[in-house]
PDB file of N, CA and C in Angstrom:
ATOM      1  N   MET A   1       0.842  -1.183   0.000  1.00  0.00           N
ATOM      2  CA  MET A   1       0.000   0.000   0.000  1.00  0.00           C
ATOM      3  C   MET A   1       0.882   1.240   0.000  1.00  0.00           C
ATOM      4  N   GLN A   2       0.548   2.194  -0.829  1.00  0.00           N
ATOM      5  CA  GLN A   2       1.318   3.420  -0.944  1.00  0.00           C
ATOM      6  C   GLN A   2       0.939   4.381   0.172  1.00  0.00           C
ATOM      7  N   GLU A   3       1.964   5.021   0.781  1.00  0.00           N
ATOM      8  CA  GLU A   3       1.699   6.004   1.821  1.00  0.00           C
ATOM      9  C   GLU A   3       1.703   7.389   1.210  1.00  0.00           C
ATOM     10  N   TYR A   4       0.880   8.281   1.740  1.00  0.00           N
ATOM     11  CA  TYR A   4       0.797   9.649   1.262  1.00  0.00           C
ATOM     12  C   TYR A   4       1.131  10.596   2.389  1.00  0.00           C
ATOM     13  N   GLN A   5       1.743  11.686   2.051  1.00  0.00           N
ATOM     14  CA  GLN A   5       1.971  12.757   3.011  1.00  0.00           C
ATOM     15  C   GLN A   5       1.979  14.074   2.255  1.00  0.00           C
ATOM     16  N   ALA A   6       1.883  15.151   2.981  1.00  0.00           N
ATOM     17  CA  ALA A   6       1.875  16.460   2.336  1.00  0.00           C
ATOM     18  C   ALA A   6       3.205  16.695   1.642  1.00  0.00           C
ATOM     19  N   ARG A   7       3.154  17.244   0.425  1.00  0.00           N
ATOM     20  CA  ARG A   7       4.371  17.590  -0.290  1.00  0.00           C
ATOM     21  C   ARG A   7       4.704  19.030   0.036  1.00  0.00           C
ATOM     22  N   ILE A   8       5.792  19.214   0.736  1.00  0.00           N
ATOM     23  CA  ILE A   8       6.174  20.574   1.102  1.00  0.00           C
ATOM     24  C   ILE A   8       7.559  20.936   0.567  1.00  0.00           C
ATOM     25  N   ASP A   9       8.178  20.028  -0.189  1.00  0.00           N
ATOM     26  CA  ASP A   9       9.536  20.253  -0.650  1.00  0.00           C
ATOM     27  C   ASP A   9       9.612  20.762  -2.083  1.00  0.00           C
ATOM     28  N   GLY A  10       8.501  21.055  -2.704  1.00  0.00           N
ATOM     29  CA  GLY A  10       8.537  21.547  -4.069  1.00  0.00           C
ATOM     30  C   GLY A  10       7.137  21.800  -4.565  1.00  0.00           C
ATOM     31  N   PRO A  11       7.035  22.296  -5.796  1.00  0.00           N
ATOM     32  CA  PRO A  11       5.702  22.590  -6.329  1.00  0.00           C
ATOM     33  C   PRO A  11       4.888  21.319  -6.538  1.00  0.00           C
ATOM     34  N   VAL A  12       3.608  21.434  -6.310  1.00  0.00           N
ATOM     35  CA  VAL A  12       2.684  20.327  -6.530  1.00  0.00           C
ATOM     36  C   VAL A  12       1.726  20.767  -7.622  1.00  0.00           C
ATOM     37  N   THR A  13       1.633  19.996  -8.683  1.00  0.00           N
ATOM     38  CA  THR A  13       0.720  20.373  -9.754  1.00  0.00           C
ATOM     39  C   THR A  13      -0.678  19.885  -9.424  1.00  0.00           C
ATOM     40  N   GLY A  14      -1.671  20.540 -10.031  1.00  0.00           N
ATOM     41  CA  GLY A  14      -3.056  20.126  -9.834  1.00  0.00           C
ATOM     42  C   GLY A  14      -3.273  18.687 -10.253  1.00  0.00           C
ATOM     43  N   LEU A  15      -2.563  18.255 -11.296  1.00  0.00           N
ATOM     44  CA  LEU A  15      -2.702  16.890 -11.767  1.00  0.00           C
ATOM     45  C   LEU A  15      -2.256  15.895 -10.704  1.00  0.00           C
ATOM     46  N   ASP A  16      -1.161  16.191 -10.000  1.00  0.00           N
ATOM     47  CA  ASP A  16      -0.696  15.318  -8.927  1.00  0.00           C
ATOM     48  C   ASP A  16      -1.761  15.153  -7.852  1.00  0.00           C
ATOM     49  N   VAL A  17      -2.368  16.261  -7.468  1.00  0.00           N
ATOM     50  CA  VAL A  17      -3.379  16.249  -6.417  1.00  0.00           C
ATOM     51  C   VAL A  17      -4.613  15.474  -6.869  1.00  0.00           C
ATOM     52  N   LEU A  18      -5.048  15.680  -8.103  1.00  0.00           N
ATOM     53  CA  LEU A  18      -6.222  14.969  -8.603  1.00  0.00           C
ATOM     54  C   LEU A  18      -5.937  13.474  -8.774  1.00  0.00           C
ATOM     55  N   THR A  19      -4.713  13.128  -9.132  1.00  0.00           N
ATOM     56  CA  THR A  19      -4.327  11.721  -9.208  1.00  0.00           C
ATOM     57  C   THR A  19      -4.368  11.091  -7.823  1.00  0.00           C
ATOM     58  N   THR A  20      -3.882  11.812  -6.837  1.00  0.00           N
ATOM     59  CA  THR A  20      -3.945  11.328  -5.457  1.00  0.00           C
ATOM     60  C   THR A  20      -5.396  11.140  -5.031  1.00  0.00           C
ATOM     61  N   ALA A  21      -6.260  12.105  -5.346  1.00  0.00           N
ATOM     62  CA  ALA A  21      -7.681  11.997  -5.000  1.00  0.00           C
ATOM     63  C   ALA A  21      -8.290  10.754  -5.638  1.00  0.00           C
ATOM     64  N   GLU A  22      -7.965  10.511  -6.884  1.00  0.00           N
ATOM     65  CA  GLU A  22      -8.471   9.329  -7.581  1.00  0.00           C
ATOM     66  C   GLU A  22      -7.960   8.044  -6.921  1.00  0.00           C
ATOM     67  N   ASP A  23      -6.692   8.024  -6.565  1.00  0.00           N
ATOM     68  CA  ASP A  23      -6.116   6.855  -5.887  1.00  0.00           C
ATOM     69  C   ASP A  23      -6.796   6.603  -4.545  1.00  0.00           C
ATOM     70  N   TRP A  24      -7.009   7.674  -3.789  1.00  0.00           N
ATOM     71  CA  TRP A  24      -7.647   7.522  -2.485  1.00  0.00           C
ATOM     72  C   TRP A  24      -9.070   7.024  -2.624  1.00  0.00           C
ATOM     73  N   ALA A  25      -9.812   7.555  -3.586  1.00  0.00           N
ATOM     74  CA  ALA A  25     -11.190   7.104  -3.815  1.00  0.00           C
ATOM     75  C   ALA A  25     -11.208   5.636  -4.219  1.00  0.00           C
ATOM     76  N   SER A  26     -10.286   5.245  -5.092  1.00  0.00           N
ATOM     77  CA  SER A  26     -10.205   3.846  -5.530  1.00  0.00           C
ATOM     78  C   SER A  26      -9.883   2.909  -4.368  1.00  0.00           C
ATOM     79  N   ALA A  27      -9.135   3.421  -3.405  1.00  0.00           N
ATOM     80  CA  ALA A  27      -8.771   2.624  -2.234  1.00  0.00           C
ATOM     81  C   ALA A  27      -9.873   2.642  -1.173  1.00  0.00           C
ATOM     82  N   GLY A  28     -10.967   3.387  -1.420  1.00  0.00           N
ATOM     83  CA  GLY A  28     -12.080   3.441  -0.483  1.00  0.00           C
ATOM     84  C   GLY A  28     -11.880   4.403   0.668  1.00  0.00           C
ATOM     85  N   ARG A  29     -10.931   5.330   0.545  1.00  0.00           N
ATOM     86  CA  ARG A  29     -10.686   6.303   1.617  1.00  0.00           C
ATOM     87  C   ARG A  29     -11.694   7.437   1.522  1.00  0.00           C
ATOM     88  N   LYS A  30     -12.278   7.818   2.655  1.00  0.00           N
ATOM     89  CA  LYS A  30     -13.146   8.992   2.702  1.00  0.00           C
ATOM     90  C   LYS A  30     -12.260  10.225   2.582  1.00  0.00           C
ATOM     91  N   ALA A  31     -12.672  11.154   1.734  1.00  0.00           N
ATOM     92  CA  ALA A  31     -11.835  12.325   1.498  1.00  0.00           C
ATOM     93  C   ALA A  31     -12.674  13.504   1.017  1.00  0.00           C
ATOM     94  N   ALA A  32     -12.017  14.656   0.972  1.00  0.00           N
ATOM     95  CA  ALA A  32     -12.616  15.875   0.435  1.00  0.00           C
ATOM     96  C   ALA A  32     -11.585  16.572  -0.435  1.00  0.00           C
ATOM     97  N   ILE A  33     -12.086  17.381  -1.356  1.00  0.00           N
ATOM     98  CA  ILE A  33     -11.208  18.181  -2.211  1.00  0.00           C
ATOM     99  C   ILE A  33     -11.528  19.652  -1.966  1.00  0.00           C
ATOM    100  N   ALA A  34     -10.480  20.429  -1.715  1.00  0.00           N
ATOM    101  CA  ALA A  34     -10.602  21.875  -1.565  1.00  0.00           C
ATOM    102  C   ALA A  34     -10.018  22.519  -2.821  1.00  0.00           C
ATOM    103  N   THR A  35     -10.748  23.490  -3.374  1.00  0.00           N
ATOM    104  CA  THR A  35     -10.324  24.158  -4.603  1.00  0.00           C
ATOM    105  C   THR A  35     -10.411  25.667  -4.425  1.00  0.00           C
ATOM    106  N   VAL A  36      -9.346  26.380  -4.772  1.00  0.00           N
ATOM    107  CA  VAL A  36      -9.389  27.840  -4.758  1.00  0.00           C
ATOM    108  C   VAL A  36     -10.305  28.280  -5.903  1.00  0.00           C
ATOM    109  N   ILE A  37     -11.382  28.998  -5.560  1.00  0.00           N
ATOM    110  CA  ILE A  37     -12.348  29.416  -6.586  1.00  0.00           C
ATOM    111  C   ILE A  37     -12.294  30.914  -6.872  1.00  0.00           C
ATOM    112  N   GLU A  38     -11.647  31.685  -6.007  1.00  0.00           N
ATOM    113  CA  GLU A  38     -11.538  33.121  -6.249  1.00  0.00           C
ATOM    114  C   GLU A  38     -10.378  33.671  -5.439  1.00  0.00           C
ATOM    115  N   THR A  39      -9.639  34.600  -6.036  1.00  0.00           N
ATOM    116  CA  THR A  39      -8.607  35.337  -5.302  1.00  0.00           C
ATOM    117  C   THR A  39      -8.759  36.809  -5.622  1.00  0.00           C
ATOM    118  N   TRP A  40      -8.305  37.634  -4.729  1.00  0.00           N
ATOM    119  CA  TRP A  40      -8.282  39.064  -4.934  1.00  0.00           C
ATOM    120  C   TRP A  40      -7.041  39.596  -4.240  1.00  0.00           C
ATOM    121  N   GLY A  41      -6.292  40.455  -4.895  1.00  0.00           N
ATOM    122  CA  GLY A  41      -5.072  40.989  -4.307  1.00  0.00           C
ATOM    123  C   GLY A  41      -3.997  39.917  -4.236  1.00  0.00           C
ATOM    124  N   SER A  42      -3.192  39.987  -3.225  1.00  0.00           N
ATOM    125  CA  SER A  42      -2.104  39.048  -3.048  1.00  0.00           C
ATOM    126  C   SER A  42      -2.635  37.742  -2.470  1.00  0.00           C
ATOM    127  N   ALA A  43      -2.363  36.639  -3.163  1.00  0.00           N
ATOM    128  CA  ALA A  43      -2.806  35.319  -2.698  1.00  0.00           C
ATOM    129  C   ALA A  43      -1.696  34.315  -2.973  1.00  0.00           C
ATOM    130  N   PRO A  44      -1.447  33.398  -2.039  1.00  0.00           N
ATOM    131  CA  PRO A  44      -0.343  32.449  -2.196  1.00  0.00           C
ATOM    132  C   PRO A  44      -0.522  31.435  -3.322  1.00  0.00           C
ATOM    133  N   ARG A  45      -1.766  31.084  -3.673  1.00  0.00           N
ATOM    134  CA  ARG A  45      -2.017  30.086  -4.708  1.00  0.00           C
ATOM    135  C   ARG A  45      -3.076  30.618  -5.671  1.00  0.00           C
ATOM    136  N   PRO A  46      -2.973  30.270  -6.952  1.00  0.00           N
ATOM    137  CA  PRO A  46      -3.936  30.764  -7.937  1.00  0.00           C
ATOM    138  C   PRO A  46      -5.253  29.996  -7.918  1.00  0.00           C
ATOM    139  N   VAL A  47      -6.258  30.584  -8.550  1.00  0.00           N
ATOM    140  CA  VAL A  47      -7.540  29.914  -8.753  1.00  0.00           C
ATOM    141  C   VAL A  47      -7.274  28.570  -9.424  1.00  0.00           C
ATOM    142  N   GLY A  48      -7.982  27.546  -8.961  1.00  0.00           N
ATOM    143  CA  GLY A  48      -7.810  26.198  -9.506  1.00  0.00           C
ATOM    144  C   GLY A  48      -6.853  25.331  -8.716  1.00  0.00           C
ATOM    145  N   SER A  49      -6.163  25.898  -7.740  1.00  0.00           N
ATOM    146  CA  SER A  49      -5.272  25.091  -6.894  1.00  0.00           C
ATOM    147  C   SER A  49      -6.101  24.150  -6.038  1.00  0.00           C
ATOM    148  N   HIS A  50      -5.569  22.957  -5.789  1.00  0.00           N
ATOM    149  CA  HIS A  50      -6.308  21.924  -5.060  1.00  0.00           C
ATOM    150  C   HIS A  50      -5.555  21.421  -3.842  1.00  0.00           C
ATOM    151  N   LEU A  51      -6.340  20.953  -2.888  1.00  0.00           N
ATOM    152  CA  LEU A  51      -5.843  20.253  -1.707  1.00  0.00           C
ATOM    153  C   LEU A  51      -6.789  19.090  -1.487  1.00  0.00           C
ATOM    154  N   VAL A  52      -6.261  17.875  -1.392  1.00  0.00           N
ATOM    155  CA  VAL A  52      -7.095  16.716  -1.090  1.00  0.00           C
ATOM    156  C   VAL A  52      -6.777  16.293   0.340  1.00  0.00           C
ATOM    157  N   ILE A  53      -7.833  15.987   1.100  1.00  0.00           N
ATOM    158  CA  ILE A  53      -7.711  15.677   2.523  1.00  0.00           C
ATOM    159  C   ILE A  53      -8.487  14.400   2.795  1.00  0.00           C
ATOM    160  N   ASP A  54      -7.892  13.472   3.566  1.00  0.00           N
ATOM    161  CA  ASP A  54      -8.654  12.272   3.924  1.00  0.00           C
ATOM    162  C   ASP A  54      -9.183  12.377   5.347  1.00  0.00           C
ATOM    163  N   ALA A  55      -9.993  11.415   5.741  1.00  0.00           N
ATOM    164  CA  ALA A  55     -10.669  11.450   7.039  1.00  0.00           C
ATOM    165  C   ALA A  55      -9.703  11.363   8.216  1.00  0.00           C
ATOM    166  N   ASP A  56      -8.470  10.936   7.963  1.00  0.00           N
ATOM    167  CA  ASP A  56      -7.458  10.872   9.021  1.00  0.00           C
ATOM    168  C   ASP A  56      -6.629  12.143   9.113  1.00  0.00           C
ATOM    169  N   GLY A  57      -6.942  13.126   8.259  1.00  0.00           N
ATOM    170  CA  GLY A  57      -6.208  14.386   8.282  1.00  0.00           C
ATOM    171  C   GLY A  57      -4.971  14.405   7.399  1.00  0.00           C
ATOM    172  N   ASN A  58      -4.727  13.341   6.642  1.00  0.00           N
ATOM    173  CA  ASN A  58      -3.630  13.347   5.680  1.00  0.00           C
ATOM    174  C   ASN A  58      -4.030  14.245   4.520  1.00  0.00           C
ATOM    175  N   PHE A  59      -3.075  14.956   3.943  1.00  0.00           N
ATOM    176  CA  PHE A  59      -3.411  15.829   2.830  1.00  0.00           C
ATOM    177  C   PHE A  59      -2.255  15.934   1.852  1.00  0.00           C
ATOM    178  N   GLU A  60      -2.626  16.356   0.629  1.00  0.00           N
ATOM    179  CA  GLU A  60      -1.636  16.609  -0.408  1.00  0.00           C
ATOM    180  C   GLU A  60      -2.136  17.771  -1.249  1.00  0.00           C
ATOM    181  N   GLY A  61      -1.204  18.591  -1.675  1.00  0.00           N
ATOM    182  CA  GLY A  61      -1.524  19.759  -2.473  1.00  0.00           C
ATOM    183  C   GLY A  61      -1.439  21.011  -1.629  1.00  0.00           C
ATOM    184  N   SER A  62      -1.983  22.107  -2.136  1.00  0.00           N
ATOM    185  CA  SER A  62      -1.941  23.363  -1.406  1.00  0.00           C
ATOM    186  C   SER A  62      -2.973  24.339  -1.970  1.00  0.00           C
ATOM    187  N   VAL A  63      -3.661  25.020  -1.070  1.00  0.00           N
ATOM    188  CA  VAL A  63      -4.582  26.079  -1.469  1.00  0.00           C
ATOM    189  C   VAL A  63      -4.181  27.431  -0.902  1.00  0.00           C
ATOM    190  N   SER A  64      -3.235  27.436   0.020  1.00  0.00           N
ATOM    191  CA  SER A  64      -2.799  28.703   0.581  1.00  0.00           C
ATOM    192  C   SER A  64      -1.454  28.587   1.271  1.00  0.00           C
ATOM    193  N   GLY A  65      -1.351  27.729   2.238  1.00  0.00           N
ATOM    194  CA  GLY A  65      -0.147  27.619   3.045  1.00  0.00           C
ATOM    195  C   GLY A  65      -0.414  28.089   4.456  1.00  0.00           C
ATOM    196  N   GLY A  66       0.510  27.776   5.332  1.00  0.00           N
ATOM    197  CA  GLY A  66       0.438  28.236   6.714  1.00  0.00           C
ATOM    198  C   GLY A  66      -0.831  27.825   7.430  1.00  0.00           C
ATOM    199  N   CYS A  67      -1.264  28.702   8.304  1.00  0.00           N
ATOM    200  CA  CYS A  67      -2.421  28.412   9.147  1.00  0.00           C
ATOM    201  C   CYS A  67      -3.734  28.393   8.379  1.00  0.00           C
ATOM    202  N   VAL A  68      -3.806  29.105   7.253  1.00  0.00           N
ATOM    203  CA  VAL A  68      -5.017  29.052   6.428  1.00  0.00           C
ATOM    204  C   VAL A  68      -5.241  27.615   5.989  1.00  0.00           C
ATOM    205  N   GLU A  69      -4.170  26.972   5.542  1.00  0.00           N
ATOM    206  CA  GLU A  69      -4.299  25.595   5.090  1.00  0.00           C
ATOM    207  C   GLU A  69      -4.754  24.688   6.244  1.00  0.00           C
ATOM    208  N   GLY A  70      -4.258  24.931   7.447  1.00  0.00           N
ATOM    209  CA  GLY A  70      -4.694  24.162   8.610  1.00  0.00           C
ATOM    210  C   GLY A  70      -6.180  24.326   8.855  1.00  0.00           C
ATOM    211  N   ALA A  71      -6.684  25.555   8.684  1.00  0.00           N
ATOM    212  CA  ALA A  71      -8.117  25.799   8.855  1.00  0.00           C
ATOM    213  C   ALA A  71      -8.920  25.083   7.776  1.00  0.00           C
ATOM    214  N   VAL A  72      -8.391  25.035   6.551  1.00  0.00           N
ATOM    215  CA  VAL A  72      -9.077  24.344   5.457  1.00  0.00           C
ATOM    216  C   VAL A  72      -9.135  22.845   5.747  1.00  0.00           C
ATOM    217  N   VAL A  73      -8.044  22.276   6.243  1.00  0.00           N
ATOM    218  CA  VAL A  73      -8.028  20.846   6.589  1.00  0.00           C
ATOM    219  C   VAL A  73      -9.078  20.559   7.655  1.00  0.00           C
ATOM    220  N   THR A  74      -9.149  21.401   8.678  1.00  0.00           N
ATOM    221  CA  THR A  74     -10.134  21.217   9.746  1.00  0.00           C
ATOM    222  C   THR A  74     -11.558  21.261   9.189  1.00  0.00           C
ATOM    223  N   GLU A  75     -11.847  22.233   8.328  1.00  0.00           N
ATOM    224  CA  GLU A  75     -13.181  22.336   7.722  1.00  0.00           C
ATOM    225  C   GLU A  75     -13.452  21.136   6.812  1.00  0.00           C
ATOM    226  N   ALA A  76     -12.434  20.659   6.112  1.00  0.00           N
ATOM    227  CA  ALA A  76     -12.604  19.501   5.226  1.00  0.00           C
ATOM    228  C   ALA A  76     -12.997  18.258   6.017  1.00  0.00           C
ATOM    229  N   LEU A  77     -12.475  18.110   7.216  1.00  0.00           N
ATOM    230  CA  LEU A  77     -12.856  16.963   8.051  1.00  0.00           C
ATOM    231  C   LEU A  77     -14.345  17.018   8.371  1.00  0.00           C
ATOM    232  N   ASP A  78     -14.881  18.219   8.606  1.00  0.00           N
ATOM    233  CA  ASP A  78     -16.325  18.379   8.824  1.00  0.00           C
ATOM    234  C   ASP A  78     -17.110  18.024   7.564  1.00  0.00           C
ATOM    235  N   VAL A  79     -16.602  18.443   6.405  1.00  0.00           N
ATOM    236  CA  VAL A  79     -17.261  18.141   5.127  1.00  0.00           C
ATOM    237  C   VAL A  79     -17.289  16.635   4.892  1.00  0.00           C
ATOM    238  N   ILE A  80     -16.187  15.957   5.189  1.00  0.00           N
ATOM    239  CA  ILE A  80     -16.137  14.499   5.024  1.00  0.00           C
ATOM    240  C   ILE A  80     -17.192  13.840   5.901  1.00  0.00           C
ATOM    241  N   GLU A  81     -17.296  14.304   7.141  1.00  0.00           N
ATOM    242  CA  GLU A  81     -18.249  13.709   8.095  1.00  0.00           C
ATOM    243  C   GLU A  81     -19.699  14.006   7.717  1.00  0.00           C
ATOM    244  N   SER A  82     -19.977  15.247   7.334  1.00  0.00           N
ATOM    245  CA  SER A  82     -21.367  15.649   7.061  1.00  0.00           C
ATOM    246  C   SER A  82     -21.813  15.366   5.627  1.00  0.00           C
ATOM    247  N   GLY A  83     -20.867  15.345   4.709  1.00  0.00           N
ATOM    248  CA  GLY A  83     -21.207  15.181   3.297  1.00  0.00           C
ATOM    249  C   GLY A  83     -21.688  16.461   2.644  1.00  0.00           C
ATOM    250  N   ALA A  84     -21.716  17.561   3.397  1.00  0.00           N
ATOM    251  CA  ALA A  84     -22.195  18.849   2.881  1.00  0.00           C
ATOM    252  C   ALA A  84     -21.026  19.741   2.485  1.00  0.00           C
ATOM    253  N   PRO A  85     -20.990  20.213   1.236  1.00  0.00           N
ATOM    254  CA  PRO A  85     -19.899  21.093   0.807  1.00  0.00           C
ATOM    255  C   PRO A  85     -19.975  22.449   1.505  1.00  0.00           C
ATOM    256  N   LYS A  86     -18.833  23.164   1.504  1.00  0.00           N
ATOM    257  CA  LYS A  86     -18.759  24.485   2.121  1.00  0.00           C
ATOM    258  C   LYS A  86     -17.935  25.414   1.244  1.00  0.00           C
ATOM    259  N   ILE A  87     -18.220  26.700   1.337  1.00  0.00           N
ATOM    260  CA  ILE A  87     -17.347  27.713   0.762  1.00  0.00           C
ATOM    261  C   ILE A  87     -16.726  28.472   1.927  1.00  0.00           C
ATOM    262  N   LEU A  88     -15.407  28.538   1.916  1.00  0.00           N
ATOM    263  CA  LEU A  88     -14.660  29.236   2.960  1.00  0.00           C
ATOM    264  C   LEU A  88     -14.076  30.495   2.374  1.00  0.00           C
ATOM    265  N   GLU A  89     -13.997  31.546   3.176  1.00  0.00           N
ATOM    266  CA  GLU A  89     -13.402  32.790   2.709  1.00  0.00           C
ATOM    267  C   GLU A  89     -12.446  33.321   3.763  1.00  0.00           C
ATOM    268  N   PHE A  90     -11.281  33.691   3.303  1.00  0.00           N
ATOM    269  CA  PHE A  90     -10.282  34.309   4.167  1.00  0.00           C
ATOM    270  C   PHE A  90      -9.837  35.586   3.481  1.00  0.00           C
ATOM    271  N   GLY A  91      -9.858  36.704   4.226  1.00  0.00           N
ATOM    272  CA  GLY A  91      -9.475  37.960   3.596  1.00  0.00           C
ATOM    273  C   GLY A  91      -8.972  38.975   4.585  1.00  0.00           C
ATOM    274  N   VAL A  92      -8.377  40.014   4.049  1.00  0.00           N
ATOM    275  CA  VAL A  92      -7.753  41.033   4.874  1.00  0.00           C
ATOM    276  C   VAL A  92      -8.760  41.748   5.767  1.00  0.00           C
ATOM    277  N   ALA A  93     -10.015  41.873   5.329  1.00  0.00           N
ATOM    278  CA  ALA A  93     -11.023  42.549   6.135  1.00  0.00           C
ATOM    279  C   ALA A  93     -11.590  41.638   7.207  1.00  0.00           C
ATOM    280  N   ASP A  94     -11.251  40.384   7.135  1.00  0.00           N
ATOM    281  CA  ASP A  94     -11.768  39.386   8.055  1.00  0.00           C
ATOM    282  C   ASP A  94     -10.767  39.175   9.184  1.00  0.00           C
ATOM    283  N   GLU A  95     -11.203  39.339  10.414  1.00  0.00           N
ATOM    284  CA  GLU A  95     -10.333  39.135  11.572  1.00  0.00           C
ATOM    285  C   GLU A  95      -9.696  37.748  11.529  1.00  0.00           C
ATOM    286  N   THR A  96     -10.402  36.790  10.969  1.00  0.00           N
ATOM    287  CA  THR A  96      -9.888  35.431  10.861  1.00  0.00           C
ATOM    288  C   THR A  96      -8.626  35.383  10.020  1.00  0.00           C
ATOM    289  N   ALA A  97      -8.506  36.258   9.042  1.00  0.00           N
ATOM    290  CA  ALA A  97      -7.330  36.256   8.171  1.00  0.00           C
ATOM    291  C   ALA A  97      -6.053  36.404   8.984  1.00  0.00           C
ATOM    292  N   TRP A  98      -6.076  37.302   9.935  1.00  0.00           N
ATOM    293  CA  TRP A  98      -4.881  37.502  10.764  1.00  0.00           C
ATOM    294  C   TRP A  98      -4.681  36.323  11.698  1.00  0.00           C
ATOM    295  N   GLN A  99      -5.759  35.769  12.196  1.00  0.00           N
ATOM    296  CA  GLN A  99      -5.657  34.627  13.097  1.00  0.00           C
ATOM    297  C   GLN A  99      -5.064  33.417  12.407  1.00  0.00           C
ATOM    298  N   VAL A 100      -5.387  33.224  11.134  1.00  0.00           N
ATOM    299  CA  VAL A 100      -4.898  32.037  10.430  1.00  0.00           C
ATOM    300  C   VAL A 100      -3.738  32.339   9.495  1.00  0.00           C
ATOM    301  N   GLY A 101      -3.239  33.572   9.474  1.00  0.00           N
ATOM    302  CA  GLY A 101      -2.013  33.864   8.762  1.00  0.00           C
ATOM    303  C   GLY A 101      -2.129  34.438   7.372  1.00  0.00           C
ATOM    304  N   LEU A 102      -3.283  34.950   6.948  1.00  0.00           N
ATOM    305  CA  LEU A 102      -3.409  35.563   5.632  1.00  0.00           C
ATOM    306  C   LEU A 102      -3.244  37.076   5.775  1.00  0.00           C
ATOM    307  N   SER A 103      -2.057  37.466   6.181  1.00  0.00           N
ATOM    308  CA  SER A 103      -1.796  38.886   6.415  1.00  0.00           C
ATOM    309  C   SER A 103      -1.208  39.559   5.181  1.00  0.00           C
ATOM    310  N   CYS A 104      -1.264  38.904   4.024  1.00  0.00           N
ATOM    311  CA  CYS A 104      -0.661  39.419   2.791  1.00  0.00           C
ATOM    312  C   CYS A 104      -1.520  40.481   2.122  1.00  0.00           C
ATOM    313  N   GLY A 105      -2.708  40.734   2.609  1.00  0.00           N
ATOM    314  CA  GLY A 105      -3.552  41.772   2.049  1.00  0.00           C
ATOM    315  C   GLY A 105      -4.506  41.290   0.983  1.00  0.00           C
ATOM    316  N   GLY A 106      -4.602  40.010   0.780  1.00  0.00           N
ATOM    317  CA  GLY A 106      -5.491  39.471  -0.245  1.00  0.00           C
ATOM    318  C   GLY A 106      -6.720  38.817   0.335  1.00  0.00           C
ATOM    319  N   ARG A 107      -7.469  38.181  -0.569  1.00  0.00           N
ATOM    320  CA  ARG A 107      -8.660  37.437  -0.163  1.00  0.00           C
ATOM    321  C   ARG A 107      -8.709  36.181  -1.013  1.00  0.00           C
ATOM    322  N   ILE A 108      -9.088  35.082  -0.396  1.00  0.00           N
ATOM    323  CA  ILE A 108      -9.269  33.841  -1.142  1.00  0.00           C
ATOM    324  C   ILE A 108     -10.586  33.194  -0.734  1.00  0.00           C
ATOM    325  N   ARG A 109     -11.232  32.556  -1.712  1.00  0.00           N
ATOM    326  CA  ARG A 109     -12.429  31.744  -1.463  1.00  0.00           C
ATOM    327  C   ARG A 109     -12.085  30.330  -1.885  1.00  0.00           C
ATOM    328  N   ILE A 110     -12.473  29.390  -1.043  1.00  0.00           N
ATOM    329  CA  ILE A 110     -12.140  27.985  -1.265  1.00  0.00           C
ATOM    330  C   ILE A 110     -13.404  27.154  -1.149  1.00  0.00           C
ATOM    331  N   PHE A 111     -13.654  26.331  -2.167  1.00  0.00           N
ATOM    332  CA  PHE A 111     -14.796  25.415  -2.168  1.00  0.00           C
ATOM    333  C   PHE A 111     -14.293  24.060  -1.694  1.00  0.00           C
ATOM    334  N   VAL A 112     -14.929  23.520  -0.657  1.00  0.00           N
ATOM    335  CA  VAL A 112     -14.562  22.217  -0.104  1.00  0.00           C
ATOM    336  C   VAL A 112     -15.731  21.277  -0.306  1.00  0.00           C
ATOM    337  N   GLU A 113     -15.465  20.164  -0.980  1.00  0.00           N
ATOM    338  CA  GLU A 113     -16.540  19.206  -1.283  1.00  0.00           C
ATOM    339  C   GLU A 113     -16.084  17.792  -0.969  1.00  0.00           C
ATOM    340  N   PRO A 114     -17.051  16.928  -0.602  1.00  0.00           N
ATOM    341  CA  PRO A 114     -16.691  15.528  -0.370  1.00  0.00           C
ATOM    342  C   PRO A 114     -16.243  14.879  -1.673  1.00  0.00           C
ATOM    343  N   LEU A 115     -15.313  13.986  -1.584  1.00  0.00           N
ATOM    344  CA  LEU A 115     -14.811  13.283  -2.762  1.00  0.00           C
ATOM    345  C   LEU A 115     -15.838  12.240  -3.191  1.00  0.00           C
ATOM    346  N   THR A 116     -16.396  12.437  -4.363  1.00  0.00           N
ATOM    347  CA  THR A 116     -17.379  11.499  -4.909  1.00  0.00           C
ATOM    348  C   THR A 116     -16.703  10.180  -5.185  1.00  0.00           C
ATOM    349  N   GLY A 117     -17.360   9.108  -4.773  1.00  0.00           N
ATOM    350  CA  GLY A 117     -16.800   7.773  -5.007  1.00  0.00           C
ATOM    351  C   GLY A 117     -16.050   7.236  -3.810  1.00  0.00           C
ATOM    352  N   ALA A 118     -15.833   8.077  -2.791  1.00  0.00           N
ATOM    353  CA  ALA A 118     -15.166   7.597  -1.584  1.00  0.00           C
ATOM    354  C   ALA A 118     -16.115   6.741  -0.791  1.00  0.00           C
ATOM    355  N   ALA A 119     -15.562   5.855   0.010  1.00  0.00           N
ATOM    356  CA  ALA A 119     -16.385   4.946   0.819  1.00  0.00           C
ATOM    357  C   ALA A 119     -17.268   5.732   1.771  1.00  0.00           C
ATOM    358  N   ASP A 120     -18.477   5.236   2.011  1.00  0.00           N
ATOM    359  CA  ASP A 120     -19.396   5.922   2.944  1.00  0.00           C
ATOM    360  C   ASP A 120     -19.118   5.531   4.362  1.00  0.00           C
TER     361      ASP A 120
END
């Protein structure tokens, strides 16, 4: 069985993340996919960036970095459990942005959805 861990030593392409999501679904792992759907101003990752998260908190890819990514992983665990997608927003006008580390002056919106085909 192949082990997965977050890739932090270099760029991760969207294709790598989607391949991982497909592998996890095929293996019956419950998971969610987070996708950057909007950015404004300075943002660490462009629209279309992905992060795949499993029910054990393992993840691959990137939608922001730092504490924002930690908050996305936490929300993804709720999405996996509930099956209900969410839209998350982090921005400079939002007090949460400073709490989770988005102090770059931008705004990002992230859509988190359960991975279709994952085990129930």
